Amino acid sequence: MDRRELNDIIVKAKAATYVGGGQPQSPSRPGSHDIGWADGDWRYLDSYFGGTDFLGQEVLWHRGEPIWAMNYYGYIKRADLIDGARAGETIKAALSALYREGRFLGDFDWQGPHGLYVDRNQGGPEQFRGREVILVDGVEAYALDYFGGLIKP
């Protein structure tokens, strides 16, 4: 599989789950919130803990073998400027716009009604790290750090 194919399948899975209002699944671990997707030989699971402040992992399987994963930790930095509901609304709208461009990585800015969403990262789908933030009146009110890449035997 080449880089473009990997990117395309990740975007398809991500767009169909959290951002796309995918159906929650039974928790894979006590206390987790899980949203999954499957298409032919592909399976994807986004599993996270928490709400306003949260930690999670996304995994992509091909023919039952894990081939790609991403870990993330997001949190409200300034509850006086943004709450979890407005942050979630902003993230979903911004990521929807990013996925419509056919990508999940690469610098991206999106202005919404609750603030400016900014994502900066390095690398490609095979190995990457990044940070997304929401700025409210120029102040960082929410942040999420993430990293991931290919899983090799």
N, C-alpha and C. Protein backbone atom coordinates (compact mmCIF):
# COMPACT_ATOMS: atom_id res chain seq x y z
N MET A 1 0.85 -1.17 0.00
CA MET A 1 0.00 0.00 0.00
C MET A 1 0.89 1.24 0.00
N ASP A 2 0.53 2.20 -0.83
CA ASP A 2 1.33 3.42 -0.86
C ASP A 2 0.73 4.47 0.08
N ARG A 3 1.45 5.56 0.24
CA ARG A 3 1.08 6.63 1.16
C ARG A 3 -0.31 7.20 0.85
N ARG A 4 -0.62 7.39 -0.43
CA ARG A 4 -1.92 7.97 -0.82
C ARG A 4 -3.07 7.04 -0.45
N GLU A 5 -2.90 5.74 -0.70
CA GLU A 5 -3.95 4.78 -0.34
C GLU A 5 -4.19 4.77 1.17
N LEU A 6 -3.08 4.79 1.93
CA LEU A 6 -3.20 4.80 3.39
C LEU A 6 -3.93 6.06 3.84
N ASN A 7 -3.54 7.21 3.34
CA ASN A 7 -4.20 8.47 3.68
C ASN A 7 -5.69 8.39 3.37
N ASP A 8 -6.04 7.89 2.18
CA ASP A 8 -7.44 7.85 1.77
C ASP A 8 -8.29 6.98 2.68
N ILE A 9 -7.78 5.82 3.08
CA ILE A 9 -8.57 4.93 3.92
C ILE A 9 -8.70 5.51 5.34
N ILE A 10 -7.65 6.17 5.83
CA ILE A 10 -7.72 6.81 7.15
C ILE A 10 -8.76 7.93 7.13
N VAL A 11 -8.73 8.76 6.10
CA VAL A 11 -9.71 9.85 5.98
C VAL A 11 -11.13 9.28 5.92
N LYS A 12 -11.32 8.24 5.14
CA LYS A 12 -12.65 7.62 5.02
C LYS A 12 -13.14 7.12 6.38
N ALA A 13 -12.27 6.46 7.13
CA ALA A 13 -12.64 5.93 8.44
C ALA A 13 -12.92 7.05 9.44
N LYS A 14 -12.05 8.04 9.48
CA LYS A 14 -12.23 9.16 10.41
C LYS A 14 -13.51 9.93 10.11
N ALA A 15 -13.79 10.17 8.84
CA ALA A 15 -14.98 10.92 8.45
C ALA A 15 -16.26 10.19 8.82
N ALA A 16 -16.21 8.87 8.90
CA ALA A 16 -17.40 8.07 9.18
C ALA A 16 -17.64 7.84 10.68
N THR A 17 -16.70 8.22 11.53
CA THR A 17 -16.84 7.90 12.95
C THR A 17 -17.14 9.16 13.77
N TYR A 18 -16.20 9.69 14.51
CA TYR A 18 -16.45 10.83 15.40
C TYR A 18 -17.05 12.01 14.64
N VAL A 19 -16.40 12.42 13.59
CA VAL A 19 -16.85 13.59 12.83
C VAL A 19 -18.18 13.33 12.14
N GLY A 20 -18.37 12.12 11.63
CA GLY A 20 -19.57 11.80 10.88
C GLY A 20 -20.73 11.30 11.72
N GLY A 21 -20.60 11.36 13.02
CA GLY A 21 -21.69 10.92 13.89
C GLY A 21 -21.87 9.41 13.89
N GLY A 22 -20.75 8.67 13.77
CA GLY A 22 -20.81 7.21 13.78
C GLY A 22 -21.46 6.67 15.04
N GLN A 23 -22.01 5.48 14.91
CA GLN A 23 -22.72 4.87 16.03
C GLN A 23 -21.75 4.34 17.08
N PRO A 24 -21.98 4.71 18.34
CA PRO A 24 -21.14 4.16 19.41
C PRO A 24 -21.25 2.64 19.45
N GLN A 25 -20.15 2.01 19.83
CA GLN A 25 -20.11 0.56 19.98
C GLN A 25 -19.99 0.23 21.46
N SER A 26 -20.13 -1.03 21.78
CA SER A 26 -19.89 -1.46 23.16
C SER A 26 -18.45 -1.15 23.53
N PRO A 27 -18.21 -0.72 24.76
CA PRO A 27 -16.85 -0.39 25.17
C PRO A 27 -15.91 -1.59 25.03
N SER A 28 -14.74 -1.34 24.47
CA SER A 28 -13.74 -2.39 24.34
C SER A 28 -12.94 -2.54 25.63
N ARG A 29 -13.00 -1.51 26.49
CA ARG A 29 -12.33 -1.51 27.79
C ARG A 29 -13.25 -0.83 28.78
N PRO A 30 -13.19 -1.19 30.06
CA PRO A 30 -14.08 -0.55 31.03
C PRO A 30 -13.93 0.98 31.01
N GLY A 31 -15.06 1.68 30.81
CA GLY A 31 -15.08 3.13 30.82
C GLY A 31 -14.77 3.80 29.51
N SER A 32 -14.46 3.02 28.47
CA SER A 32 -14.11 3.65 27.19
C SER A 32 -15.36 3.99 26.38
N HIS A 33 -15.19 4.97 25.50
CA HIS A 33 -16.21 5.33 24.51
C HIS A 33 -15.64 4.91 23.16
N ASP A 34 -16.33 4.05 22.45
CA ASP A 34 -15.81 3.48 21.20
C ASP A 34 -16.73 3.77 20.04
N ILE A 35 -16.11 4.16 18.92
CA ILE A 35 -16.82 4.36 17.66
C ILE A 35 -16.03 3.63 16.60
N GLY A 36 -16.67 2.74 15.87
CA GLY A 36 -15.95 1.93 14.88
C GLY A 36 -16.48 2.09 13.48
N TRP A 37 -15.72 1.53 12.55
CA TRP A 37 -16.04 1.57 11.13
C TRP A 37 -15.44 0.33 10.49
N ALA A 38 -16.11 -0.21 9.49
CA ALA A 38 -15.57 -1.35 8.75
C ALA A 38 -16.01 -1.24 7.29
N ASP A 39 -15.13 -1.70 6.40
CA ASP A 39 -15.42 -1.71 4.97
C ASP A 39 -14.54 -2.79 4.34
N GLY A 40 -15.15 -3.90 3.96
CA GLY A 40 -14.39 -4.98 3.35
C GLY A 40 -13.31 -5.51 4.28
N ASP A 41 -12.05 -5.47 3.83
CA ASP A 41 -10.93 -5.96 4.62
C ASP A 41 -10.47 -4.98 5.69
N TRP A 42 -11.10 -3.81 5.76
CA TRP A 42 -10.66 -2.75 6.67
C TRP A 42 -11.55 -2.67 7.90
N ARG A 43 -10.92 -2.37 9.05
CA ARG A 43 -11.64 -2.12 10.30
C ARG A 43 -10.90 -1.00 11.03
N TYR A 44 -11.65 -0.11 11.66
CA TYR A 44 -11.08 1.05 12.35
C TYR A 44 -11.84 1.23 13.66
N LEU A 45 -11.12 1.57 14.71
CA LEU A 45 -11.74 1.83 16.00
C LEU A 45 -11.12 3.07 16.63
N ASP A 46 -11.97 4.00 17.04
CA ASP A 46 -11.57 5.16 17.83
C ASP A 46 -12.11 4.89 19.23
N SER A 47 -11.20 4.74 20.20
CA SER A 47 -11.57 4.41 21.57
C SER A 47 -10.93 5.44 22.50
N TYR A 48 -11.78 6.09 23.32
CA TYR A 48 -11.25 7.14 24.18
C TYR A 48 -11.92 7.11 25.55
N PHE A 49 -11.26 7.78 26.50
CA PHE A 49 -11.75 7.92 27.87
C PHE A 49 -11.90 9.40 28.17
N GLY A 50 -12.94 9.74 28.93
CA GLY A 50 -13.12 11.11 29.37
C GLY A 50 -14.17 11.84 28.55
N GLY A 51 -14.20 13.14 28.74
CA GLY A 51 -15.17 14.00 28.06
C GLY A 51 -14.54 15.33 27.72
N THR A 52 -14.59 16.27 28.66
CA THR A 52 -13.98 17.58 28.43
C THR A 52 -12.47 17.43 28.26
N ASP A 53 -11.85 16.66 29.12
CA ASP A 53 -10.44 16.28 29.00
C ASP A 53 -10.45 14.78 28.70
N PHE A 54 -9.73 14.37 27.66
CA PHE A 54 -9.87 13.00 27.18
C PHE A 54 -8.57 12.48 26.60
N LEU A 55 -8.46 11.16 26.60
CA LEU A 55 -7.29 10.48 26.05
C LEU A 55 -7.79 9.31 25.21
N GLY A 56 -7.21 9.13 24.02
CA GLY A 56 -7.71 8.06 23.18
C GLY A 56 -6.68 7.50 22.21
N GLN A 57 -7.16 6.50 21.49
CA GLN A 57 -6.34 5.83 20.49
C GLN A 57 -7.23 5.41 19.32
N GLU A 58 -6.72 5.60 18.12
CA GLU A 58 -7.37 5.12 16.91
C GLU A 58 -6.48 4.03 16.33
N VAL A 59 -7.10 2.94 15.87
CA VAL A 59 -6.35 1.84 15.26
C VAL A 59 -7.04 1.44 13.96
N LEU A 60 -6.23 1.18 12.93
CA LEU A 60 -6.72 0.71 11.63
C LEU A 60 -6.16 -0.69 11.40
N TRP A 61 -7.07 -1.64 11.10
CA TRP A 61 -6.68 -3.01 10.80
C TRP A 61 -6.95 -3.31 9.33
N HIS A 62 -6.09 -4.12 8.73
CA HIS A 62 -6.31 -4.64 7.39
C HIS A 62 -6.23 -6.16 7.46
N ARG A 63 -7.32 -6.81 7.09
CA ARG A 63 -7.41 -8.28 7.15
C ARG A 63 -7.03 -8.81 8.53
N GLY A 64 -7.52 -8.10 9.56
CA GLY A 64 -7.33 -8.53 10.94
C GLY A 64 -6.00 -8.16 11.57
N GLU A 65 -5.11 -7.52 10.82
CA GLU A 65 -3.80 -7.14 11.35
C GLU A 65 -3.77 -5.62 11.58
N PRO A 66 -3.35 -5.19 12.78
CA PRO A 66 -3.23 -3.75 13.00
C PRO A 66 -2.08 -3.20 12.16
N ILE A 67 -2.36 -2.14 11.39
CA ILE A 67 -1.30 -1.59 10.52
C ILE A 67 -0.99 -0.12 10.81
N TRP A 68 -1.90 0.58 11.50
CA TRP A 68 -1.71 2.01 11.74
C TRP A 68 -2.43 2.38 13.04
N ALA A 69 -1.86 3.34 13.77
CA ALA A 69 -2.51 3.80 15.00
C ALA A 69 -2.12 5.25 15.28
N MET A 70 -2.97 5.90 16.08
CA MET A 70 -2.73 7.27 16.52
C MET A 70 -3.21 7.39 17.96
N ASN A 71 -2.41 8.05 18.80
CA ASN A 71 -2.79 8.35 20.18
C ASN A 71 -3.00 9.86 20.31
N TYR A 72 -3.89 10.25 21.24
CA TYR A 72 -4.17 11.67 21.42
C TYR A 72 -4.60 11.98 22.85
N TYR A 73 -4.34 13.23 23.27
CA TYR A 73 -4.81 13.74 24.55
C TYR A 73 -5.28 15.18 24.33
N GLY A 74 -6.55 15.44 24.62
CA GLY A 74 -7.12 16.77 24.45
C GLY A 74 -7.69 17.29 25.75
N TYR A 75 -7.69 18.62 25.90
CA TYR A 75 -8.13 19.20 27.15
C TYR A 75 -8.52 20.66 26.98
N ILE A 76 -9.45 21.08 27.83
CA ILE A 76 -9.85 22.49 27.90
C ILE A 76 -8.81 23.21 28.77
N LYS A 77 -8.22 24.25 28.21
CA LYS A 77 -7.23 25.03 28.96
C LYS A 77 -7.86 26.23 29.65
N ARG A 78 -8.92 26.77 29.03
CA ARG A 78 -9.57 27.97 29.57
C ARG A 78 -11.08 27.77 29.54
N ALA A 79 -11.60 27.19 30.63
CA ALA A 79 -13.04 26.93 30.72
C ALA A 79 -13.86 28.22 30.73
N ASP A 80 -13.22 29.35 31.02
CA ASP A 80 -13.93 30.62 30.99
C ASP A 80 -14.13 31.11 29.55
N LEU A 81 -13.42 30.49 28.58
CA LEU A 81 -13.52 30.90 27.17
C LEU A 81 -14.26 29.90 26.28
N ILE A 82 -14.17 28.61 26.64
CA ILE A 82 -14.83 27.59 25.82
C ILE A 82 -15.17 26.39 26.70
N ASP A 83 -16.28 25.74 26.40
CA ASP A 83 -16.64 24.53 27.13
C ASP A 83 -16.53 23.33 26.19
N GLY A 84 -16.74 22.15 26.72
CA GLY A 84 -16.60 20.93 25.93
C GLY A 84 -17.53 20.87 24.74
N ALA A 85 -18.76 21.33 24.90
CA ALA A 85 -19.73 21.29 23.80
C ALA A 85 -19.30 22.18 22.63
N ARG A 86 -18.88 23.41 22.95
CA ARG A 86 -18.45 24.33 21.88
C ARG A 86 -17.14 23.88 21.25
N ALA A 87 -16.24 23.32 22.07
CA ALA A 87 -14.99 22.79 21.52
C ALA A 87 -15.29 21.63 20.58
N GLY A 88 -16.16 20.71 21.00
CA GLY A 88 -16.52 19.57 20.16
C GLY A 88 -17.17 19.99 18.86
N GLU A 89 -18.06 20.96 18.94
CA GLU A 89 -18.72 21.48 17.72
C GLU A 89 -17.68 22.07 16.76
N THR A 90 -16.73 22.81 17.29
CA THR A 90 -15.68 23.43 16.48
C THR A 90 -14.80 22.36 15.83
N ILE A 91 -14.40 21.38 16.62
CA ILE A 91 -13.52 20.32 16.12
C ILE A 91 -14.22 19.53 15.01
N LYS A 92 -15.46 19.13 15.23
CA LYS A 92 -16.19 18.37 14.21
C LYS A 92 -16.32 19.16 12.90
N ALA A 93 -16.66 20.42 13.00
CA ALA A 93 -16.82 21.23 11.79
C ALA A 93 -15.48 21.43 11.08
N ALA A 94 -14.43 21.70 11.83
CA ALA A 94 -13.11 21.92 11.23
C ALA A 94 -12.60 20.64 10.58
N LEU A 95 -12.70 19.52 11.29
CA LEU A 95 -12.22 18.26 10.72
C LEU A 95 -13.05 17.83 9.52
N SER A 96 -14.34 18.10 9.53
CA SER A 96 -15.17 17.80 8.35
C SER A 96 -14.64 18.55 7.13
N ALA A 97 -14.30 19.81 7.32
CA ALA A 97 -13.74 20.61 6.22
C ALA A 97 -12.39 20.04 5.76
N LEU A 98 -11.56 19.64 6.70
CA LEU A 98 -10.26 19.06 6.37
C LEU A 98 -10.43 17.75 5.61
N TYR A 99 -11.30 16.88 6.07
CA TYR A 99 -11.52 15.59 5.41
C TYR A 99 -12.11 15.77 4.01
N ARG A 100 -12.92 16.79 3.81
CA ARG A 100 -13.45 17.06 2.46
C ARG A 100 -12.31 17.40 1.49
N GLU A 101 -11.20 17.87 2.02
CA GLU A 101 -10.01 18.12 1.18
C GLU A 101 -9.23 16.84 0.92
N GLY A 102 -9.69 15.71 1.48
CA GLY A 102 -9.04 14.42 1.26
C GLY A 102 -7.78 14.20 2.07
N ARG A 103 -7.71 14.83 3.24
CA ARG A 103 -6.51 14.67 4.07
C ARG A 103 -6.86 14.75 5.55
N PHE A 104 -5.95 14.24 6.38
CA PHE A 104 -6.09 14.40 7.81
C PHE A 104 -4.84 15.02 8.42
N LEU A 105 -3.82 15.22 7.62
CA LEU A 105 -2.58 15.87 8.06
C LEU A 105 -2.30 17.09 7.18
N GLY A 106 -1.40 17.92 7.66
CA GLY A 106 -1.05 19.14 6.94
C GLY A 106 -1.61 20.34 7.65
N ASP A 107 -0.89 21.41 7.62
CA ASP A 107 -1.34 22.62 8.32
C ASP A 107 -2.75 23.00 7.88
N PHE A 108 -3.57 23.38 8.86
CA PHE A 108 -4.96 23.68 8.56
C PHE A 108 -5.50 24.68 9.57
N ASP A 109 -6.17 25.72 9.09
CA ASP A 109 -6.84 26.71 9.92
C ASP A 109 -8.30 26.77 9.49
N TRP A 110 -9.19 26.92 10.48
CA TRP A 110 -10.62 27.01 10.17
C TRP A 110 -11.27 27.94 11.20
N GLN A 111 -11.95 28.95 10.73
CA GLN A 111 -12.63 29.90 11.62
C GLN A 111 -14.07 29.48 11.80
N GLY A 112 -14.48 29.29 13.05
CA GLY A 112 -15.85 28.93 13.36
C GLY A 112 -16.46 29.93 14.32
N PRO A 113 -17.71 29.73 14.69
CA PRO A 113 -18.39 30.69 15.56
C PRO A 113 -17.84 30.72 16.99
N HIS A 114 -17.11 29.65 17.39
CA HIS A 114 -16.61 29.59 18.76
C HIS A 114 -15.11 29.81 18.86
N GLY A 115 -14.46 30.06 17.73
CA GLY A 115 -13.02 30.31 17.77
C GLY A 115 -12.33 29.85 16.51
N LEU A 116 -11.02 30.06 16.48
CA LEU A 116 -10.17 29.67 15.36
C LEU A 116 -9.52 28.33 15.66
N TYR A 117 -9.81 27.34 14.83
CA TYR A 117 -9.19 26.01 14.93
C TYR A 117 -7.89 26.05 14.15
N VAL A 118 -6.79 25.62 14.77
CA VAL A 118 -5.48 25.60 14.13
C VAL A 118 -4.86 24.24 14.37
N ASP A 119 -4.41 23.59 13.29
CA ASP A 119 -3.74 22.29 13.39
C ASP A 119 -2.38 22.40 12.71
N ARG A 120 -1.32 22.02 13.42
CA ARG A 120 0.03 21.99 12.87
C ARG A 120 0.62 20.63 13.17
N ASN A 121 1.28 20.05 12.17
CA ASN A 121 1.87 18.74 12.37
C ASN A 121 3.06 18.54 11.46
N GLN A 122 3.79 17.48 11.73
CA GLN A 122 4.95 17.11 10.94
C GLN A 122 4.83 15.64 10.56
N GLY A 123 5.30 15.31 9.36
CA GLY A 123 5.32 13.92 8.92
C GLY A 123 4.16 13.59 8.01
N GLY A 124 4.06 12.32 7.69
CA GLY A 124 3.00 11.80 6.84
C GLY A 124 2.28 10.68 7.57
N PRO A 125 1.33 10.03 6.89
CA PRO A 125 0.55 9.00 7.59
C PRO A 125 1.39 7.87 8.15
N GLU A 126 2.61 7.66 7.58
CA GLU A 126 3.44 6.57 8.09
C GLU A 126 4.10 6.90 9.42
N GLN A 127 4.28 8.19 9.74
CA GLN A 127 4.83 8.60 11.03
C GLN A 127 4.62 10.11 11.17
N PHE A 128 3.95 10.53 12.24
CA PHE A 128 3.60 11.94 12.38
C PHE A 128 3.41 12.31 13.84
N ARG A 129 3.42 13.60 14.08
CA ARG A 129 3.04 14.17 15.37
C ARG A 129 2.49 15.56 15.12
N GLY A 130 1.57 15.99 16.01
CA GLY A 130 0.99 17.30 15.80
C GLY A 130 0.22 17.81 17.00
N ARG A 131 -0.35 18.99 16.80
CA ARG A 131 -1.12 19.65 17.85
C ARG A 131 -2.25 20.44 17.20
N GLU A 132 -3.46 20.30 17.75
CA GLU A 132 -4.57 21.14 17.34
C GLU A 132 -4.95 22.01 18.52
N VAL A 133 -5.35 23.24 18.23
CA VAL A 133 -5.78 24.16 19.27
C VAL A 133 -7.01 24.93 18.78
N ILE A 134 -7.74 25.46 19.73
CA ILE A 134 -8.80 26.41 19.43
C ILE A 134 -8.44 27.70 20.15
N LEU A 135 -8.33 28.76 19.36
CA LEU A 135 -8.04 30.09 19.89
C LEU A 135 -9.34 30.87 20.00
N VAL A 136 -9.60 31.43 21.16
CA VAL A 136 -10.76 32.28 21.38
C VAL A 136 -10.21 33.67 21.69
N ASP A 137 -10.51 34.61 20.80
CA ASP A 137 -9.99 35.97 20.94
C ASP A 137 -8.46 35.97 21.08
N GLY A 138 -7.81 35.08 20.31
CA GLY A 138 -6.36 34.99 20.30
C GLY A 138 -5.75 34.22 21.44
N VAL A 139 -6.57 33.68 22.34
CA VAL A 139 -6.08 32.93 23.50
C VAL A 139 -6.33 31.44 23.28
N GLU A 140 -5.31 30.62 23.55
CA GLU A 140 -5.44 29.17 23.40
C GLU A 140 -6.35 28.64 24.51
N ALA A 141 -7.56 28.24 24.13
CA ALA A 141 -8.56 27.79 25.09
C ALA A 141 -8.68 26.28 25.16
N TYR A 142 -8.27 25.59 24.10
CA TYR A 142 -8.34 24.13 24.01
C TYR A 142 -7.10 23.67 23.26
N ALA A 143 -6.59 22.48 23.62
CA ALA A 143 -5.45 21.91 22.90
C ALA A 143 -5.56 20.39 22.88
N LEU A 144 -5.00 19.80 21.83
CA LEU A 144 -4.91 18.35 21.71
C LEU A 144 -3.57 18.03 21.06
N ASP A 145 -2.83 17.11 21.68
CA ASP A 145 -1.57 16.63 21.13
C ASP A 145 -1.79 15.22 20.60
N TYR A 146 -1.21 14.91 19.45
CA TYR A 146 -1.39 13.60 18.85
C TYR A 146 -0.12 13.14 18.14
N PHE A 147 -0.02 11.83 17.99
CA PHE A 147 1.11 11.24 17.27
C PHE A 147 0.72 9.83 16.84
N GLY A 148 1.39 9.32 15.81
CA GLY A 148 1.09 7.97 15.37
C GLY A 148 1.83 7.62 14.11
N GLY A 149 1.40 6.50 13.52
CA GLY A 149 2.00 6.04 12.29
C GLY A 149 1.78 4.55 12.08
N LEU A 150 2.57 4.01 11.14
CA LEU A 150 2.46 2.60 10.80
C LEU A 150 2.90 1.72 11.95
N ILE A 151 2.26 0.56 12.04
CA ILE A 151 2.64 -0.48 12.98
C ILE A 151 3.32 -1.57 12.17
N LYS A 152 4.54 -1.90 12.53
CA LYS A 152 5.29 -2.91 11.77
C LYS A 152 5.65 -4.09 12.66
N PRO A 153 5.53 -5.31 12.10
CA PRO A 153 5.87 -6.49 12.90
C PRO A 153 7.36 -6.56 13.23
